C-alpha atoms as a PDB file:
ATOM      1  CA  MET A   1     143.988 -87.024 -12.669  1.00  0.00           C
ATOM      2  CA  SER A   2     142.234 -89.453 -10.472  1.00  0.00           C
ATOM      3  CA  LYS A   3     142.780 -93.175 -10.720  1.00  0.00           C
ATOM      4  CA  LEU A   4     139.249 -93.773 -12.101  1.00  0.00           C
ATOM      5  CA  THR A   5     139.723 -91.174 -14.861  1.00  0.00           C
ATOM      6  CA  GLN A   6     142.996 -92.782 -15.933  1.00  0.00           C
ATOM      7  CA  ILE A   7     141.405 -96.245 -16.041  1.00  0.00           C
ATOM      8  CA  LEU A   8     138.463 -94.984 -18.113  1.00  0.00           C
ATOM      9  CA  LEU A   9     140.780 -93.138 -20.482  1.00  0.00           C
ATOM     10  CA  ILE A  10     142.985 -96.202 -20.990  1.00  0.00           C
ATOM     11  CA  ALA A  11     139.909 -98.412 -21.498  1.00  0.00           C
ATOM     12  CA  GLY A  12     138.525 -95.983 -24.094  1.00  0.00           C
ATOM     13  CA  VAL A  13     141.816 -95.899 -25.991  1.00  0.00           C
ATOM     14  CA  LEU A  14     142.004 -99.706 -25.939  1.00  0.00           C
ATOM     15  CA  VAL A  15     138.450 -99.989 -27.309  1.00  0.00           C
ATOM     16  CA  ILE A  16     139.185 -97.535 -30.126  1.00  0.00           C
ATOM     17  CA  VAL A  17     142.506 -99.188 -31.049  1.00  0.00           C
ATOM     18  CA  GLY A  18     140.947-102.655 -30.844  1.00  0.00           C
ATOM     19  CA  GLY A  19     138.055-101.584 -33.081  1.00  0.00           C
ATOM     20  CA  ALA A  20     140.442-100.081 -35.615  1.00  0.00           C
ATOM     21  CA  ILE A  21     142.554-103.261 -35.694  1.00  0.00           C
ATOM     22  CA  PHE A  22     139.402-105.368 -36.078  1.00  0.00           C
ATOM     23  CA  LEU A  23     138.191-103.298 -39.038  1.00  0.00           C
ATOM     24  CA  MET A  24     141.625-103.396 -40.706  1.00  0.00           C
ATOM     25  CA  THR A  25     141.911-107.186 -40.441  1.00  0.00           C
ATOM     26  CA  TRP A  26     138.267-108.173 -41.076  1.00  0.00           C
ATOM     27  CA  ASP A  27     137.808-109.812 -44.473  1.00  0.00           C
ATOM     28  CA  ILE A  28     134.449-108.311 -45.419  1.00  0.00           C
ATOM     29  CA  PRO A  29     132.713-110.544 -47.988  1.00  0.00           C
ATOM     30  CA  ALA A  30     131.660-109.017 -51.289  1.00  0.00           C
ATOM     31  CA  PRO A  31     127.929-108.771 -51.995  1.00  0.00           C
ATOM     32  CA  SER A  32     126.702-111.997 -53.557  1.00  0.00           C
ATOM     33  CA  GLU A  33     123.276-110.878 -54.774  1.00  0.00           C
ATOM     34  CA  THR A  34     123.035-109.973 -58.484  1.00  0.00           C
ATOM     35  CA  VAL A  35     121.522-106.569 -59.217  1.00  0.00           C
ATOM     36  CA  THR A  36     119.662-106.106 -62.488  1.00  0.00           C
ATOM     37  CA  LYS A  37     118.387-102.674 -63.459  1.00  0.00           C
ATOM     38  CA  THR A  38     116.745-101.716 -66.753  1.00  0.00           C
ATOM     39  CA  LEU A  39     117.409 -98.188 -67.953  1.00  0.00           C
ATOM     40  CA  SER A  40     114.955 -96.395 -70.209  1.00  0.00           C
ATOM     41  CA  ASN A  41     116.237 -95.074 -73.553  1.00  0.00           C
ATOM     42  CA  ASP A  42     114.520 -91.762 -72.776  1.00  0.00           C
ATOM     43  CA  ARG A  43     117.255 -90.984 -70.253  1.00  0.00           C
ATOM     44  CA  PHE A  44     119.961 -90.884 -72.939  1.00  0.00           C
ATOM     45  CA  PRO A  45     120.096 -88.194 -75.627  1.00  0.00           C
ATOM     46  CA  ALA A  46     120.178 -89.392 -79.212  1.00  0.00           C
END
């Protein structure tokens, strides 16, 4: 392989590994907005 292909391949692997590590360590906050939904009684059999 040429030198440029090796550099691009290594850079791609580093980006993928770095992204995976970022997603594994990121403390994603839970949704803070309250959801209220009213269900009709017609949807449930008696």
